[in-house]
Amino acid sequence: MALLQPCTVDRHACGPAHWIGPIDGDGDAAALRDWLEHGQWESTPLPTRLARHSRWVNTANESN
């Protein structure tokens, strides 16, 4: 898992943190790196295989 939080140019947090993952191996790590290097992570969707955690969260919310 990775946790990513947007920040200002001078490195002050300016938004909620985003959970990413799970990261399972070199391929997922490379996909995360490429997505981050693209530099538009706030407007570009996360690669599907790196957003699997959201299914867990949604399932947990539905069962509560």
Protein backbone atom coordinates (compact mmCIF):
# COMPACT_ATOMS: atom_id res chain seq x y z
CA MET A 1 0.00 0.00 0.00
CA ALA A 2 1.03 3.58 -0.55
CA LEU A 3 -0.46 6.74 0.87
CA LEU A 4 -0.35 9.89 -1.22
CA GLN A 5 -1.35 13.37 -0.06
CA PRO A 6 -1.53 16.47 -2.25
CA CYS A 7 0.58 19.42 -1.17
CA THR A 8 1.40 22.96 -2.19
CA VAL A 9 4.62 23.91 -3.96
CA ASP A 10 6.19 24.61 -0.56
CA ARG A 11 5.12 21.16 0.72
CA HIS A 12 2.14 22.01 2.93
CA ALA A 13 -0.65 19.44 2.89
CA CYS A 14 -3.66 20.76 0.99
CA GLY A 15 -6.05 17.85 0.67
CA PRO A 16 -7.00 14.42 1.94
CA ALA A 17 -4.62 11.50 1.62
CA HIS A 18 -5.32 8.82 -0.99
CA TRP A 19 -4.75 5.10 -0.38
CA ILE A 20 -3.16 3.23 -3.29
CA GLY A 21 -2.80 -0.49 -3.62
CA PRO A 22 -2.21 -3.13 -2.84
CA ILE A 23 1.10 -2.94 -4.67
CA ASP A 24 1.92 -6.50 -5.64
CA GLY A 25 5.34 -6.76 -7.24
CA ASP A 26 7.54 -4.88 -9.64
CA GLY A 27 4.82 -4.36 -12.25
CA ASP A 28 2.53 -2.57 -9.82
CA ALA A 29 5.44 -0.51 -8.45
CA ALA A 30 6.36 0.52 -12.00
CA ALA A 31 2.73 1.42 -12.77
CA LEU A 32 2.61 3.61 -9.65
CA ARG A 33 5.90 5.27 -10.54
CA ASP A 34 4.74 6.00 -14.10
CA TRP A 35 1.42 7.39 -12.85
CA LEU A 36 3.18 9.68 -10.36
CA GLU A 37 5.79 10.83 -12.87
CA HIS A 38 2.97 11.81 -15.23
CA GLY A 39 2.40 14.60 -12.70
CA GLN A 40 -1.37 14.92 -12.99
CA TRP A 41 -2.44 12.39 -10.39
CA GLU A 42 -5.24 14.56 -9.05
CA SER A 43 -7.04 14.50 -12.41
CA THR A 44 -5.77 11.27 -14.00
CA PRO A 45 -7.43 8.08 -12.73
CA LEU A 46 -5.31 5.59 -10.86
CA PRO A 47 -4.49 2.44 -12.87
CA THR A 48 -7.28 -0.06 -12.09
CA ARG A 49 -5.01 -2.68 -10.57
CA LEU A 50 -3.75 -0.10 -8.05
CA ALA A 51 -7.25 0.84 -6.90
CA ARG A 52 -8.26 -2.57 -5.55
CA HIS A 53 -8.34 -1.21 -1.99
CA SER A 54 -11.42 0.85 -2.87
CA ARG A 55 -13.42 -2.35 -3.36
CA TRP A 56 -12.55 -3.36 0.21
CA VAL A 57 -13.62 0.03 1.54
CA ASN A 58 -16.88 0.03 -0.41
CA THR A 59 -17.68 -3.52 0.71
CA ALA A 60 -16.95 -2.65 4.34
CA ASN A 61 -19.16 0.44 4.16
CA GLU A 62 -22.03 -1.55 2.66
CA SER A 63 -21.88 -4.15 5.44
CA ASN A 64 -21.98 -1.59 8.27
